[in-house]
Each structure stands twice: as C-alpha cells, then as structure tokens.
Amino acid sequence: QLQLVESGGGLVQSGGSLRLSCAASGFTLDDYVMSWFRHALGKEREGVACISSNSSSTHYADSVKGRFTISRDNAKNTVFLEMNSLKLEDTAIYYCAARKSPWPPGPMCVESTFSSYDQVGVYWGKGTLVTVSS
C-alpha cells in the first residue's frame, strides 16, 4: 500500500520547536519533489516548504522563512520539517505530499511548485496536528 505517514506533531509553547517526520511506504521517494503544507482552521491550505529529490533545491513560504527547515533522507525514505521559534499562527494540521520530480514545473522548488500538487497522482499523508500555545 502506497502511503505517507506524518508524525511529530503536538502541543508546544510559543517560541518552542518541533520536528515533523514524513515516512513513505510502498514506494521510494528518490524521484519525488516533497513538500509540507498546512491547513489552519478557517484558512486556506498553505504551502510551507518544498525540497527537490536530491535536496539541491528548497523553497519556503515567507511566513516560515528563517524559522523552518525542510530536509530529507532518501535512504530512510523520510522527509523532515524542523520548526523553530514557533508562533501561535503556526497552529495547523501539517501534511506532507509527494509529486513526481519530472512533472511541471520541474524538479526544482519554486513558488509555483506548491500549486503543482493539485493533480491526480500526487500522494498525500493524513496530517499531524501542531498546536502552539501562548
């Protein structure tokens, strides 16, 4: 069964840190552009971070730039999101998604990469909840 499973979410105080993991099973992530998205209550889904298949390219939403770091370990078939200096507005369900690297807009991570996940054939996890308290 092909699936992505997120873990590492939880309750953290403002200013704290969390590390999310996204483990793939049933397929290998070597040829996939991986992204993290989040969906907060009452807001639209937001692309947070993207990483190319060989980790040579990353892209971040302005709202998390300098605080979040995306990384991957293809040998472990896992992608990570290190979140530091968490703010109340980071509270959301966080999802990871996998899109084939050759698909448009290509293997590099750019702003338009996030919208490329709205198509058939993209894999999504079920999400992990991150709650930031004051």
Foldseek 3Di string as FASTA:
>chain_A
DWAKAKDFADEAAQQAKIKMKIAIPPDFQQQWWKWKWWDDPPDDIGTAKIAFNVRPAMDGDPVQPPFWDWDDDRVRRMIMIIGGNDDQVVWTWMKMKIDGQCDPPHRHDDPCVVVVQPDPPMHMHPTDTHGYHD
